[in-house]
Protein backbone atom coordinates (compact mmCIF):
# COMPACT_ATOMS: atom_id res chain seq x y z
CA MET A 1 0.00 0.00 0.00
CA ASP A 2 1.41 3.40 -1.03
CA GLY A 3 1.61 5.66 2.03
CA ARG A 4 1.39 8.83 -0.01
CA VAL A 5 -1.61 11.13 -0.29
CA GLY A 6 -3.86 11.07 -3.35
CA ILE A 7 -6.64 13.40 -4.44
CA LEU A 8 -9.69 11.97 -6.19
CA ALA A 9 -10.65 14.22 -9.10
CA TYR A 10 -13.93 13.91 -11.01
CA GLY A 11 -14.80 17.47 -12.14
CA SER A 12 -12.88 20.56 -13.17
CA LEU A 13 -9.99 19.43 -10.97
CA LEU A 14 -9.16 16.95 -13.74
CA SER A 15 -8.07 19.73 -16.09
CA HIS A 16 -7.43 22.65 -13.75
CA PRO A 17 -5.83 21.66 -10.43
CA GLY A 18 -4.42 25.14 -9.91
CA ALA A 19 -0.81 26.13 -9.32
CA GLU A 20 -0.69 25.15 -5.65
CA LEU A 21 -1.81 21.56 -6.18
CA ALA A 22 -0.05 21.21 -9.52
CA GLY A 23 3.23 21.75 -7.73
CA LEU A 24 2.49 18.77 -5.47
CA ILE A 25 1.22 16.28 -8.05
CA GLU A 26 3.69 13.57 -9.02
CA ARG A 27 1.46 11.75 -11.48
CA ARG A 28 -2.13 11.18 -12.50
CA ILE A 29 -3.70 7.73 -12.41
CA ASP A 30 -6.78 7.52 -14.62
CA GLY A 31 -9.67 5.11 -14.15
CA ALA A 32 -10.21 5.75 -10.44
CA ARG A 33 -13.92 4.99 -10.08
CA THR A 34 -15.68 7.15 -7.52
CA PRO A 35 -17.08 5.12 -4.61
CA PHE A 36 -20.12 7.43 -4.65
CA ALA A 37 -22.51 8.66 -7.33
CA ILE A 38 -22.10 12.12 -8.83
CA GLU A 39 -24.40 14.32 -10.87
CA PHE A 40 -24.89 17.92 -12.03
CA ALA A 41 -26.46 18.88 -8.74
CA ARG A 42 -24.81 22.08 -7.55
CA ALA A 43 -25.05 25.75 -8.54
CA ALA A 44 -21.48 27.01 -8.19
CA SER A 45 -21.46 30.54 -6.79
CA ARG A 46 -17.95 31.13 -8.16
CA ARG A 47 -19.14 30.20 -11.65
CA SER A 48 -22.13 32.54 -11.76
CA SER A 49 -24.42 29.75 -10.48
CA ALA A 50 -23.46 27.37 -13.29
CA PRO A 51 -24.29 23.68 -12.73
CA THR A 52 -21.35 21.58 -11.54
CA LEU A 53 -20.84 18.02 -10.42
CA ALA A 54 -21.35 16.99 -6.81
CA PRO A 55 -21.72 13.72 -4.91
CA VAL A 56 -25.39 12.75 -4.61
CA ASP A 57 -27.41 10.34 -2.50
CA ARG A 58 -30.11 9.92 -5.16
CA GLY A 59 -29.63 9.52 -8.90
CA GLY A 60 -26.32 10.10 -10.61
CA THR A 61 -23.76 7.39 -11.19
CA GLN A 62 -20.25 6.36 -10.28
CA VAL A 63 -17.73 7.64 -12.80
CA ASP A 64 -14.13 6.98 -13.72
CA GLY A 65 -12.22 9.95 -12.40
CA SER A 66 -8.50 10.21 -11.74
CA LEU A 67 -6.27 9.86 -8.73
CA LEU A 68 -3.80 12.72 -8.44
CA LEU A 69 -0.91 11.11 -6.59
CA LEU A 70 1.03 13.69 -4.60
CA GLU A 71 4.77 13.73 -4.07
CA LYS A 72 6.19 11.42 -1.45
CA GLY A 73 6.31 13.13 1.92
CA THR A 74 3.38 15.48 1.26
CA ASP A 75 1.58 16.02 4.54
CA LEU A 76 -2.11 15.02 4.63
CA GLU A 77 -3.16 18.25 6.32
CA LEU A 78 -1.19 20.35 3.84
CA ALA A 79 -2.99 18.53 1.02
CA ARG A 80 -6.38 19.17 2.66
CA HIS A 81 -5.66 22.89 3.00
CA ALA A 82 -4.43 23.16 -0.60
CA LEU A 83 -7.50 21.35 -1.98
CA PHE A 84 -9.80 23.52 0.15
CA ARG A 85 -8.17 26.74 -1.11
CA ARG A 86 -8.44 25.52 -4.69
CA GLU A 87 -12.16 24.84 -4.27
CA ILE A 88 -12.84 28.32 -2.83
CA ASN A 89 -10.67 30.07 -5.42
CA GLN A 90 -8.06 31.18 -2.87
CA ILE A 91 -5.08 29.36 -4.35
CA GLY A 92 -1.85 30.26 -2.60
CA GLY A 93 -3.65 32.06 0.23
CA GLU A 94 -3.45 31.46 3.96
CA LEU A 95 -6.93 30.04 4.63
CA THR A 96 -6.96 26.54 6.10
CA TYR A 97 -9.56 23.82 6.17
CA ASP A 98 -11.55 23.62 9.41
CA HIS A 99 -12.87 20.12 10.10
CA HIS A 100 -15.31 21.47 12.70
CA ALA A 101 -16.98 24.24 10.70
CA PRO A 102 -20.79 23.77 10.58
CA PRO A 103 -22.32 22.62 7.28
CA SER A 104 -23.91 25.17 4.95
CA PRO A 105 -24.98 25.34 1.27
CA ASN A 106 -21.63 26.93 0.39
CA ARG A 107 -19.42 24.95 2.73
CA VAL A 108 -16.70 22.88 1.05
CA ARG A 109 -15.98 19.60 2.79
CA VAL A 110 -12.75 17.72 2.26
CA ASP A 111 -13.58 14.08 2.89
CA HIS A 112 -11.13 11.24 3.44
CA LEU A 113 -10.95 7.67 2.13
CA CYS A 114 -8.58 5.03 3.49
CA ASP A 115 -6.84 2.43 1.34
CA HIS A 116 -8.27 3.14 -2.10
CA TRP A 117 -6.57 2.50 -5.45
CA GLY A 118 -3.45 1.32 -3.65
CA CYS A 119 -3.14 4.62 -1.79
CA ALA A 120 -3.37 4.82 2.00
CA ASN A 121 -4.93 8.30 2.16
CA VAL A 122 -7.22 9.72 -0.50
CA ILE A 123 -9.06 13.03 -0.13
CA TYR A 124 -11.72 14.64 -2.27
CA ALA A 125 -13.89 17.76 -2.29
CA LYS A 126 -17.54 17.31 -1.39
CA LEU A 127 -19.96 20.19 -1.85
CA PRO A 128 -23.65 20.25 -0.88
CA VAL A 129 -26.36 19.52 -3.45
CA THR A 130 -28.34 22.65 -4.32
CA LEU A 131 -30.06 21.79 -7.63
CA GLU A 132 -32.88 19.52 -8.74
CA PRO A 133 -32.27 17.19 -11.73
CA ASP A 134 -34.04 19.41 -14.29
CA PRO A 135 -32.14 19.59 -17.62
CA VAL A 136 -34.02 22.70 -18.75
CA ASP A 137 -33.01 24.57 -15.60
CA LEU A 138 -29.43 23.27 -15.84
CA ALA A 139 -29.15 24.53 -19.42
CA GLN A 140 -30.62 27.92 -18.57
CA ARG A 141 -28.10 28.31 -15.75
CA ALA A 142 -25.20 27.24 -17.96
CA ILE A 143 -26.19 29.70 -20.69
CA ALA A 144 -26.73 32.55 -18.22
CA SER A 145 -23.29 31.95 -16.68
CA ALA A 146 -21.67 32.08 -20.13
CA LYS A 147 -23.22 35.51 -20.72
CA ASP A 148 -21.71 36.76 -17.47
CA PRO A 149 -18.03 37.68 -17.07
CA ALA A 150 -17.56 34.04 -16.03
CA GLY A 151 -17.94 33.13 -19.70
CA GLU A 152 -15.05 35.35 -20.74
CA ARG A 153 -12.89 33.66 -18.08
CA GLY A 154 -13.92 30.14 -19.10
CA ARG A 155 -15.60 29.56 -15.73
CA ASP A 156 -19.13 29.14 -17.07
CA GLY A 157 -21.38 26.10 -17.19
CA ILE A 158 -20.93 25.35 -20.88
CA SER A 159 -17.13 25.35 -20.55
CA TYR A 160 -17.43 23.18 -17.45
CA LEU A 161 -19.58 20.62 -19.27
CA MET A 162 -17.14 20.58 -22.19
CA GLY A 163 -14.24 20.02 -19.80
CA VAL A 164 -15.69 17.08 -17.91
CA LYS A 165 -16.92 15.54 -21.16
CA ALA A 166 -13.40 15.79 -22.62
CA ASN A 167 -12.16 13.86 -19.58
CA GLY A 168 -14.64 11.06 -20.20
CA VAL A 169 -16.92 11.88 -17.25
CA THR A 170 -20.57 11.27 -18.11
CA THR A 171 -23.60 11.13 -15.83
CA PRO A 172 -27.23 10.22 -16.55
CA LEU A 173 -28.05 13.93 -16.96
CA SER A 174 -25.07 14.78 -19.16
CA PRO A 175 -26.55 13.91 -22.59
CA VAL A 176 -29.92 15.57 -22.04
CA PHE A 177 -28.24 18.57 -20.36
CA GLU A 178 -26.07 18.99 -23.46
CA ARG A 179 -28.99 18.60 -25.86
CA GLU A 180 -30.95 21.20 -23.93
CA ILE A 181 -28.10 23.72 -24.18
CA LEU A 182 -28.01 23.16 -27.95
CA ARG A 183 -31.79 23.51 -28.22
CA GLN A 184 -31.89 26.71 -26.19
CA THR A 185 -29.02 28.29 -28.13
CA GLY A 186 -30.05 27.00 -31.54
CA THR A 187 -26.63 25.45 -32.14
CA SER A 188 -25.26 22.04 -33.08
CA CYS A 189 -22.32 21.61 -30.70
CA LEU A 190 -21.19 22.92 -27.33
CA SER A 191 -18.26 24.93 -28.69
CA GLU A 192 -20.63 26.73 -31.05
CA ALA A 193 -23.07 27.31 -28.20
CA LEU A 194 -20.30 28.82 -26.09
CA LYS A 195 -19.06 31.14 -28.82
CA ARG A 196 -22.54 32.31 -29.68
CA THR A 197 -23.53 32.85 -26.07
CA VAL A 198 -20.38 34.66 -24.92
CA ARG A 199 -20.51 36.95 -27.96
CA SER A 200 -24.26 37.52 -27.76
CA PRO A 201 -25.13 39.00 -24.35
CA GLY A 202 -28.70 39.59 -25.50
CA LEU A 203 -29.32 35.91 -26.23
CA ARG A 204 -32.22 34.53 -24.24
CA PRO A 205 -32.65 30.79 -23.65
CA THR A 206 -35.46 29.22 -25.67
CA PRO A 207 -38.32 28.47 -23.26
CA ARG A 208 -39.38 24.96 -22.39
CA PRO A 209 -41.56 23.47 -25.14
């Protein structure tokens, strides 16, 4: 059993770990299946309320994410703090993860798994569910976030969906969520939907049929 620390990634962390974590990652091990189901079930406040993936108790599915294996000797608490800062967009700051902070809709939890994928200590970010599984609503939120400044920074819901799809992460809602974005924007692919939406601030989502 490898005594090093690993981070389970299943969302935007797959492509964008941030400078602080990137400096600790030794290698990436693909095919690490999540021991819990995930789904587009959270409105991310730092992405203009765009839908993002979150662990769920109902619905969703287990997916093949990746294990980000950290350098030998990396302290578990240091890794927790770095992952927490990455999730709250305070990379390189001084904020630390508080295990005893009370839960809230915006509270990031850093949970711990023992002895998974040949790694003694695996941590992952767990954020509360805040959305119902409604593809029309998900698409409207993704489009609205792309029209905000978040779209110009690539932190919108359409870019997020494109990113997780490129990493092979698919949930039961993913296909219908994508189709609904295309329907509401009158486009044929997500990259076209993103370009049209970011460049067309007056675009309004097509209402539910």
